[in-house]
Amino acid sequence: MSVAPNTAANLVYQIFDLQRAVRCVAAINIRGQDTGVALQGVLRFVGEGESRATHLAERLGVSAPVLSRHIAELEELGLVVRRPDPEDGRAQLIALSASGVEKLRSIEDQRTSALQGLLQDWTESDAEETARTLKKLAESLRTTARAKTAGPTTTTTVAEE
């Protein structure tokens, strides 16, 4: 089943509108904090488990130098730690420090509370349905992006060569 062009265009508009709304809400909620939205995003991904910086950069959709600056800032704040990757001495693994775990928990609690306040006129069913739809959208986009990044896989036979 395919999505009609008008439906896809409307979805693109709604996604960008949602991004703008989220940025506005985030800007209000980060005032006075030592970590901005970008650092909080990196902190969230690091919080999913120890990982190589290259893997984190790929998942975040940023270049290695951009991620490196963010990691250095988070490390300076004492929120992340680096250690050598035992499987590859040239690589480093990044993880949250104890204060990073606390900071991430605090950020997520604050965001949860803020969203609850903003969605007072929503039902539990509205929120659950939206969460399911957003999860499905994100999974579809990631799957398609991974497939396009991997590129076409072609095999040739001896006869074709």
N, C-alpha and C. Protein backbone atom coordinates (compact mmCIF):
# COMPACT_ATOMS: atom_id res chain seq x y z
N MET A 1 0.85 -1.17 0.00
CA MET A 1 0.00 0.00 0.00
C MET A 1 0.90 1.24 0.00
N SER A 2 0.56 2.19 -0.83
CA SER A 2 1.36 3.39 -0.96
C SER A 2 0.59 4.60 -0.44
N VAL A 3 1.32 5.59 0.00
CA VAL A 3 0.72 6.82 0.50
C VAL A 3 0.60 7.80 -0.67
N ALA A 4 -0.56 8.44 -0.79
CA ALA A 4 -0.80 9.41 -1.86
C ALA A 4 0.12 10.63 -1.69
N PRO A 5 0.50 11.28 -2.79
CA PRO A 5 1.38 12.45 -2.71
C PRO A 5 0.86 13.55 -1.77
N ASN A 6 -0.42 13.86 -1.82
CA ASN A 6 -0.98 14.90 -0.95
C ASN A 6 -0.87 14.50 0.52
N THR A 7 -1.10 13.23 0.80
CA THR A 7 -1.00 12.73 2.17
C THR A 7 0.45 12.82 2.65
N ALA A 8 1.38 12.42 1.79
CA ALA A 8 2.80 12.49 2.15
C ALA A 8 3.22 13.95 2.38
N ALA A 9 2.76 14.85 1.52
CA ALA A 9 3.10 16.27 1.68
C ALA A 9 2.54 16.81 2.99
N ASN A 10 1.33 16.44 3.33
CA ASN A 10 0.73 16.88 4.59
C ASN A 10 1.51 16.31 5.77
N LEU A 11 1.94 15.06 5.67
CA LEU A 11 2.71 14.44 6.74
C LEU A 11 4.05 15.15 6.93
N VAL A 12 4.71 15.50 5.83
CA VAL A 12 5.97 16.25 5.91
C VAL A 12 5.72 17.58 6.63
N TYR A 13 4.66 18.27 6.26
CA TYR A 13 4.34 19.54 6.90
C TYR A 13 4.11 19.34 8.41
N GLN A 14 3.35 18.31 8.76
CA GLN A 14 3.05 18.06 10.17
C GLN A 14 4.30 17.69 10.96
N ILE A 15 5.21 16.95 10.35
CA ILE A 15 6.46 16.58 11.02
C ILE A 15 7.29 17.83 11.30
N PHE A 16 7.43 18.71 10.29
CA PHE A 16 8.19 19.94 10.50
C PHE A 16 7.52 20.83 11.53
N ASP A 17 6.19 20.89 11.50
CA ASP A 17 5.46 21.68 12.49
C ASP A 17 5.69 21.12 13.89
N LEU A 18 5.69 19.80 14.02
CA LEU A 18 5.95 19.16 15.31
C LEU A 18 7.37 19.48 15.78
N GLN A 19 8.34 19.43 14.87
CA GLN A 19 9.72 19.76 15.23
C GLN A 19 9.82 21.18 15.77
N ARG A 20 9.15 22.12 15.11
CA ARG A 20 9.17 23.52 15.57
C ARG A 20 8.56 23.63 16.96
N ALA A 21 7.43 22.97 17.16
CA ALA A 21 6.76 23.02 18.46
C ALA A 21 7.63 22.42 19.55
N VAL A 22 8.27 21.30 19.26
CA VAL A 22 9.14 20.65 20.24
C VAL A 22 10.33 21.55 20.57
N ARG A 23 10.92 22.19 19.55
CA ARG A 23 12.04 23.10 19.80
C ARG A 23 11.62 24.27 20.69
N CYS A 24 10.43 24.81 20.45
CA CYS A 24 9.93 25.92 21.28
C CYS A 24 9.75 25.48 22.73
N VAL A 25 9.14 24.33 22.92
CA VAL A 25 8.92 23.81 24.27
C VAL A 25 10.26 23.51 24.93
N ALA A 26 11.18 22.91 24.19
CA ALA A 26 12.50 22.58 24.73
C ALA A 26 13.25 23.84 25.13
N ALA A 27 13.17 24.88 24.31
CA ALA A 27 13.87 26.13 24.61
C ALA A 27 13.37 26.72 25.92
N ILE A 28 12.08 26.65 26.15
CA ILE A 28 11.51 27.17 27.40
C ILE A 28 12.00 26.34 28.58
N ASN A 29 12.05 25.02 28.41
CA ASN A 29 12.38 24.12 29.51
C ASN A 29 13.87 24.02 29.83
N ILE A 30 14.75 24.50 28.94
CA ILE A 30 16.19 24.36 29.22
C ILE A 30 16.80 25.62 29.81
N ARG A 31 16.01 26.66 29.96
CA ARG A 31 16.56 27.89 30.53
C ARG A 31 17.20 27.61 31.89
N GLY A 32 18.42 28.12 32.05
CA GLY A 32 19.12 27.97 33.31
C GLY A 32 19.80 26.63 33.50
N GLN A 33 19.75 25.76 32.51
CA GLN A 33 20.41 24.46 32.64
C GLN A 33 21.80 24.52 32.01
N ASP A 34 22.67 23.62 32.46
CA ASP A 34 24.03 23.60 31.94
C ASP A 34 24.16 22.81 30.65
N THR A 35 23.10 22.14 30.23
CA THR A 35 23.13 21.39 28.97
C THR A 35 21.99 21.87 28.08
N GLY A 36 22.32 22.17 26.84
CA GLY A 36 21.31 22.57 25.87
C GLY A 36 20.66 21.36 25.23
N VAL A 37 19.80 21.62 24.28
CA VAL A 37 19.05 20.56 23.62
C VAL A 37 19.98 19.55 22.94
N ALA A 38 21.01 20.04 22.24
CA ALA A 38 21.91 19.12 21.54
C ALA A 38 22.63 18.20 22.52
N LEU A 39 23.16 18.78 23.60
CA LEU A 39 23.86 17.95 24.58
C LEU A 39 22.91 16.98 25.26
N GLN A 40 21.68 17.41 25.50
CA GLN A 40 20.70 16.52 26.11
C GLN A 40 20.38 15.35 25.18
N GLY A 41 20.33 15.63 23.88
CA GLY A 41 20.09 14.56 22.91
C GLY A 41 21.21 13.53 22.90
N VAL A 42 22.44 14.03 22.93
CA VAL A 42 23.60 13.13 22.98
C VAL A 42 23.58 12.34 24.27
N LEU A 43 23.30 13.01 25.37
CA LEU A 43 23.23 12.35 26.68
C LEU A 43 22.20 11.22 26.65
N ARG A 44 21.08 11.46 26.01
CA ARG A 44 20.00 10.45 25.92
C ARG A 44 20.50 9.21 25.17
N PHE A 45 21.18 9.42 24.06
CA PHE A 45 21.67 8.28 23.28
C PHE A 45 22.77 7.53 24.03
N VAL A 46 23.66 8.26 24.68
CA VAL A 46 24.71 7.61 25.47
C VAL A 46 24.06 6.80 26.59
N GLY A 47 22.96 7.31 27.12
CA GLY A 47 22.24 6.63 28.20
C GLY A 47 21.63 5.31 27.81
N GLU A 48 21.56 5.03 26.53
CA GLU A 48 21.01 3.74 26.08
C GLU A 48 22.01 2.61 26.23
N GLY A 49 23.24 2.94 26.54
CA GLY A 49 24.26 1.91 26.76
C GLY A 49 25.60 2.32 26.19
N GLU A 50 26.63 1.78 26.78
CA GLU A 50 28.00 2.07 26.35
C GLU A 50 28.13 1.78 24.86
N SER A 51 28.79 2.68 24.15
CA SER A 51 28.88 2.55 22.70
C SER A 51 30.11 3.27 22.18
N ARG A 52 30.55 2.88 21.00
CA ARG A 52 31.62 3.61 20.31
C ARG A 52 31.07 4.94 19.82
N ALA A 53 31.94 5.92 19.78
CA ALA A 53 31.54 7.25 19.31
C ALA A 53 31.05 7.20 17.86
N THR A 54 31.69 6.40 17.03
CA THR A 54 31.27 6.32 15.63
C THR A 54 29.84 5.80 15.51
N HIS A 55 29.49 4.84 16.35
CA HIS A 55 28.13 4.30 16.35
C HIS A 55 27.14 5.37 16.81
N LEU A 56 27.51 6.11 17.84
CA LEU A 56 26.64 7.18 18.34
C LEU A 56 26.42 8.25 17.27
N ALA A 57 27.49 8.65 16.58
CA ALA A 57 27.39 9.67 15.54
C ALA A 57 26.44 9.22 14.44
N GLU A 58 26.56 7.95 14.06
CA GLU A 58 25.69 7.39 13.02
C GLU A 58 24.23 7.43 13.46
N ARG A 59 23.97 7.01 14.69
CA ARG A 59 22.59 6.98 15.20
C ARG A 59 22.00 8.37 15.35
N LEU A 60 22.85 9.34 15.71
CA LEU A 60 22.39 10.71 15.87
C LEU A 60 22.30 11.46 14.54
N GLY A 61 22.94 10.92 13.51
CA GLY A 61 22.93 11.58 12.21
C GLY A 61 23.82 12.81 12.19
N VAL A 62 24.93 12.76 12.92
CA VAL A 62 25.89 13.88 12.94
C VAL A 62 27.27 13.37 12.55
N SER A 63 28.14 14.31 12.21
CA SER A 63 29.50 13.93 11.85
C SER A 63 30.30 13.60 13.11
N ALA A 64 31.37 12.86 12.93
CA ALA A 64 32.24 12.50 14.06
C ALA A 64 32.80 13.73 14.77
N PRO A 65 33.26 14.77 14.04
CA PRO A 65 33.77 15.96 14.74
C PRO A 65 32.70 16.66 15.60
N VAL A 66 31.47 16.73 15.10
CA VAL A 66 30.39 17.36 15.87
C VAL A 66 30.15 16.56 17.15
N LEU A 67 30.05 15.24 17.01
CA LEU A 67 29.82 14.41 18.19
C LEU A 67 31.00 14.51 19.15
N SER A 68 32.20 14.55 18.62
CA SER A 68 33.39 14.64 19.47
C SER A 68 33.34 15.89 20.35
N ARG A 69 32.90 17.02 19.78
CA ARG A 69 32.78 18.26 20.57
C ARG A 69 31.74 18.10 21.67
N HIS A 70 30.61 17.48 21.33
CA HIS A 70 29.55 17.27 22.33
C HIS A 70 30.03 16.34 23.44
N ILE A 71 30.70 15.27 23.07
CA ILE A 71 31.21 14.32 24.07
C ILE A 71 32.23 15.01 24.97
N ALA A 72 33.10 15.82 24.38
CA ALA A 72 34.11 16.53 25.18
C ALA A 72 33.43 17.47 26.18
N GLU A 73 32.36 18.14 25.74
CA GLU A 73 31.62 19.04 26.65
C GLU A 73 30.97 18.25 27.78
N LEU A 74 30.34 17.13 27.42
CA LEU A 74 29.69 16.30 28.44
C LEU A 74 30.71 15.70 29.40
N GLU A 75 31.88 15.36 28.87
CA GLU A 75 32.95 14.82 29.71
C GLU A 75 33.45 15.90 30.67
N GLU A 76 33.59 17.12 30.17
CA GLU A 76 34.03 18.24 31.00
C GLU A 76 33.03 18.51 32.13
N LEU A 77 31.74 18.29 31.86
CA LEU A 77 30.70 18.47 32.88
C LEU A 77 30.63 17.27 33.83
N GLY A 78 31.42 16.23 33.53
CA GLY A 78 31.42 15.04 34.37
C GLY A 78 30.25 14.11 34.14
N LEU A 79 29.59 14.24 32.97
CA LEU A 79 28.39 13.45 32.69
C LEU A 79 28.66 12.17 31.89
N VAL A 80 29.80 12.11 31.20
CA VAL A 80 30.16 10.90 30.46
C VAL A 80 31.60 10.53 30.76
N VAL A 81 31.91 9.28 30.53
CA VAL A 81 33.27 8.78 30.68
C VAL A 81 33.64 8.02 29.41
N ARG A 82 34.92 8.01 29.13
CA ARG A 82 35.45 7.26 27.99
C ARG A 82 36.39 6.19 28.52
N ARG A 83 36.43 5.09 27.79
CA ARG A 83 37.41 4.07 28.11
C ARG A 83 37.80 3.38 26.80
N PRO A 84 39.00 2.82 26.75
CA PRO A 84 39.42 2.13 25.52
C PRO A 84 38.51 0.94 25.23
N ASP A 85 38.23 0.72 23.96
CA ASP A 85 37.44 -0.43 23.54
C ASP A 85 38.35 -1.65 23.58
N PRO A 86 38.01 -2.66 24.40
CA PRO A 86 38.89 -3.83 24.50
C PRO A 86 39.01 -4.61 23.18
N GLU A 87 38.06 -4.42 22.28
CA GLU A 87 38.12 -5.13 20.99
C GLU A 87 38.93 -4.38 19.95
N ASP A 88 39.15 -3.07 20.17
CA ASP A 88 39.90 -2.26 19.22
C ASP A 88 40.56 -1.13 20.01
N GLY A 89 41.85 -1.25 20.25
CA GLY A 89 42.58 -0.29 21.06
C GLY A 89 42.54 1.13 20.53
N ARG A 90 42.23 1.32 19.24
CA ARG A 90 42.17 2.66 18.67
C ARG A 90 40.85 3.35 18.99
N ALA A 91 39.83 2.57 19.28
CA ALA A 91 38.49 3.12 19.52
C ALA A 91 38.23 3.32 21.00
N GLN A 92 37.26 4.18 21.29
CA GLN A 92 36.86 4.41 22.67
C GLN A 92 35.38 4.11 22.84
N LEU A 93 35.04 3.66 24.03
CA LEU A 93 33.65 3.44 24.38
C LEU A 93 33.20 4.60 25.26
N ILE A 94 31.99 5.07 25.01
CA ILE A 94 31.44 6.21 25.74
C ILE A 94 30.28 5.70 26.58
N ALA A 95 30.21 6.12 27.84
CA ALA A 95 29.12 5.73 28.73
C ALA A 95 28.80 6.89 29.68
N LEU A 96 27.64 6.83 30.28
CA LEU A 96 27.27 7.84 31.28
C LEU A 96 28.05 7.59 32.57
N SER A 97 28.45 8.66 33.22
CA SER A 97 29.02 8.56 34.56
C SER A 97 27.84 8.48 35.53
N ALA A 98 28.11 8.28 36.79
CA ALA A 98 27.03 8.25 37.79
C ALA A 98 26.25 9.56 37.78
N SER A 99 26.96 10.69 37.68
CA SER A 99 26.24 11.97 37.64
C SER A 99 25.51 12.14 36.32
N GLY A 100 26.00 11.51 35.25
CA GLY A 100 25.31 11.54 33.96
C GLY A 100 23.99 10.79 34.02
N VAL A 101 23.99 9.66 34.72
CA VAL A 101 22.75 8.89 34.89
C VAL A 101 21.73 9.74 35.65
N GLU A 102 22.19 10.40 36.70
CA GLU A 102 21.31 11.27 37.49
C GLU A 102 20.78 12.43 36.66
N LYS A 103 21.68 13.06 35.90
CA LYS A 103 21.30 14.20 35.06
C LYS A 103 20.27 13.77 34.03
N LEU A 104 20.49 12.65 33.37
CA LEU A 104 19.55 12.16 32.35
C LEU A 104 18.20 11.87 32.99
N ARG A 105 18.20 11.25 34.14
CA ARG A 105 16.94 10.95 34.84
C ARG A 105 16.20 12.25 35.15
N SER A 106 16.93 13.25 35.61
CA SER A 106 16.34 14.54 35.94
C SER A 106 15.75 15.21 34.70
N ILE A 107 16.49 15.19 33.60
CA ILE A 107 16.01 15.78 32.34
C ILE A 107 14.73 15.07 31.89
N GLU A 108 14.75 13.74 31.92
CA GLU A 108 13.58 12.99 31.45
C GLU A 108 12.37 13.21 32.36
N ASP A 109 12.61 13.30 33.67
CA ASP A 109 11.51 13.60 34.60
C ASP A 109 10.92 14.97 34.31
N GLN A 110 11.80 15.94 34.08
CA GLN A 110 11.34 17.30 33.78
C GLN A 110 10.55 17.33 32.47
N ARG A 111 11.06 16.67 31.45
CA ARG A 111 10.36 16.64 30.16
C ARG A 111 9.01 15.94 30.29
N THR A 112 8.97 14.85 31.03
CA THR A 112 7.71 14.12 31.24
C THR A 112 6.69 15.01 31.92
N SER A 113 7.12 15.69 32.96
CA SER A 113 6.24 16.58 33.71
C SER A 113 5.74 17.72 32.83
N ALA A 114 6.65 18.30 32.05
CA ALA A 114 6.27 19.41 31.16
C ALA A 114 5.25 18.93 30.13
N LEU A 115 5.48 17.76 29.55
CA LEU A 115 4.56 17.25 28.54
C LEU A 115 3.20 16.93 29.15
N GLN A 116 3.20 16.37 30.34
CA GLN A 116 1.93 16.11 31.03
C GLN A 116 1.14 17.40 31.19
N GLY A 117 1.83 18.46 31.56
CA GLY A 117 1.16 19.75 31.72
C GLY A 117 0.62 20.30 30.43
N LEU A 118 1.35 20.09 29.34
CA LEU A 118 0.93 20.60 28.04
C LEU A 118 -0.21 19.77 27.42
N LEU A 119 -0.33 18.54 27.83
CA LEU A 119 -1.35 17.65 27.24
C LEU A 119 -2.51 17.38 28.20
N GLN A 120 -2.84 18.35 29.01
CA GLN A 120 -3.91 18.16 29.99
C GLN A 120 -5.26 17.84 29.36
N ASP A 121 -5.48 18.31 28.13
CA ASP A 121 -6.77 18.05 27.48
C ASP A 121 -6.77 16.76 26.65
N TRP A 122 -5.69 15.98 26.72
CA TRP A 122 -5.61 14.71 26.00
C TRP A 122 -6.09 13.58 26.90
N THR A 123 -6.61 12.53 26.26
CA THR A 123 -6.94 11.33 27.01
C THR A 123 -5.72 10.40 26.99
N GLU A 124 -5.73 9.43 27.87
CA GLU A 124 -4.67 8.43 27.88
C GLU A 124 -4.63 7.71 26.53
N SER A 125 -5.79 7.44 25.99
CA SER A 125 -5.90 6.77 24.69
C SER A 125 -5.26 7.61 23.58
N ASP A 126 -5.51 8.94 23.59
CA ASP A 126 -4.89 9.84 22.60
C ASP A 126 -3.37 9.73 22.66
N ALA A 127 -2.83 9.80 23.88
CA ALA A 127 -1.37 9.76 24.06
C ALA A 127 -0.80 8.42 23.63
N GLU A 128 -1.46 7.32 24.00
CA GLU A 128 -0.97 5.99 23.62
C GLU A 128 -1.00 5.80 22.11
N GLU A 129 -2.08 6.23 21.47
CA GLU A 129 -2.19 6.10 20.01
C GLU A 129 -1.12 6.94 19.30
N THR A 130 -0.90 8.14 19.79
CA THR A 130 0.13 9.00 19.21
C THR A 130 1.52 8.37 19.37
N ALA A 131 1.79 7.84 20.55
CA ALA A 131 3.09 7.18 20.79
C ALA A 131 3.29 6.01 19.83
N ARG A 132 2.24 5.21 19.64
CA ARG A 132 2.34 4.07 18.70
C ARG A 132 2.61 4.56 17.28
N THR A 133 1.90 5.59 16.86
CA THR A 133 2.05 6.11 15.51
C THR A 133 3.44 6.70 15.31
N LEU A 134 3.92 7.47 16.28
CA LEU A 134 5.26 8.06 16.17
C LEU A 134 6.34 6.98 16.15
N LYS A 135 6.15 5.94 16.94
CA LYS A 135 7.11 4.83 16.96
C LYS A 135 7.14 4.14 15.60
N LYS A 136 5.96 3.90 15.03
CA LYS A 136 5.87 3.26 13.71
C LYS A 136 6.53 4.13 12.65
N LEU A 137 6.29 5.44 12.70
CA LEU A 137 6.90 6.36 11.74
C LEU A 137 8.42 6.33 11.87
N ALA A 138 8.92 6.44 13.10
CA ALA A 138 10.37 6.45 13.32
C ALA A 138 11.01 5.14 12.83
N GLU A 139 10.36 4.01 13.12
CA GLU A 139 10.91 2.72 12.67
C GLU A 139 10.93 2.64 11.15
N SER A 140 9.87 3.10 10.50
CA SER A 140 9.83 3.08 9.03
C SER A 140 10.92 3.96 8.44
N LEU A 141 11.09 5.15 8.99
CA LEU A 141 12.12 6.06 8.49
C LEU A 141 13.51 5.49 8.70
N ARG A 142 13.77 4.91 9.89
CA ARG A 142 15.08 4.32 10.16
C ARG A 142 15.36 3.14 9.23
N THR A 143 14.37 2.29 9.05
CA THR A 143 14.54 1.11 8.19
C THR A 143 14.85 1.53 6.76
N THR A 144 14.11 2.50 6.26
CA THR A 144 14.32 2.98 4.90
C THR A 144 15.67 3.66 4.77
N ALA A 145 16.03 4.48 5.77
CA ALA A 145 17.32 5.17 5.74
C ALA A 145 18.48 4.17 5.75
N ARG A 146 18.37 3.13 6.60
CA ARG A 146 19.43 2.11 6.65
C ARG A 146 19.56 1.41 5.30
N ALA A 147 18.44 1.10 4.68
CA ALA A 147 18.47 0.40 3.40
C ALA A 147 19.12 1.28 2.33
N LYS A 148 18.81 2.58 2.35
CA LYS A 148 19.40 3.49 1.35
C LYS A 148 20.88 3.72 1.62
N THR A 149 21.27 3.77 2.89
CA THR A 149 22.67 3.96 3.26
C THR A 149 23.50 2.75 2.85
N ALA A 150 22.92 1.57 3.03
CA ALA A 150 23.64 0.34 2.69
C ALA A 150 23.84 0.23 1.19
N GLY A 151 22.94 0.86 0.42
CA GLY A 151 23.05 0.82 -1.03
C GLY A 151 22.57 -0.51 -1.57
N PRO A 152 22.43 -0.56 -2.86
CA PRO A 152 21.96 -1.80 -3.47
C PRO A 152 23.02 -2.89 -3.37
N THR A 153 22.55 -4.07 -3.12
CA THR A 153 23.47 -5.20 -3.10
C THR A 153 23.30 -5.94 -4.41
N THR A 154 24.38 -6.08 -5.11
CA THR A 154 24.30 -6.77 -6.38
C THR A 154 25.27 -7.92 -6.38
N THR A 155 24.88 -8.95 -7.00
CA THR A 155 25.78 -10.09 -7.17
C THR A 155 25.89 -10.36 -8.66
N THR A 156 27.04 -10.74 -9.05
CA THR A 156 27.24 -11.07 -10.46
C THR A 156 27.64 -12.52 -10.57
N THR A 157 27.23 -13.09 -11.63
CA THR A 157 27.63 -14.47 -11.89
C THR A 157 28.81 -14.45 -12.83
N VAL A 158 29.47 -15.55 -12.93
CA VAL A 158 30.63 -15.65 -13.84
C VAL A 158 30.19 -15.34 -15.26
N ALA A 159 29.00 -15.77 -15.65
CA ALA A 159 28.52 -15.54 -17.01
C ALA A 159 28.33 -14.05 -17.30
N GLU A 160 27.93 -13.27 -16.27
CA GLU A 160 27.71 -11.83 -16.47
C GLU A 160 29.01 -11.08 -16.59
N GLU A 161 30.07 -11.57 -16.01
CA GLU A 161 31.36 -10.87 -16.04
C GLU A 161 31.97 -11.10 -17.35
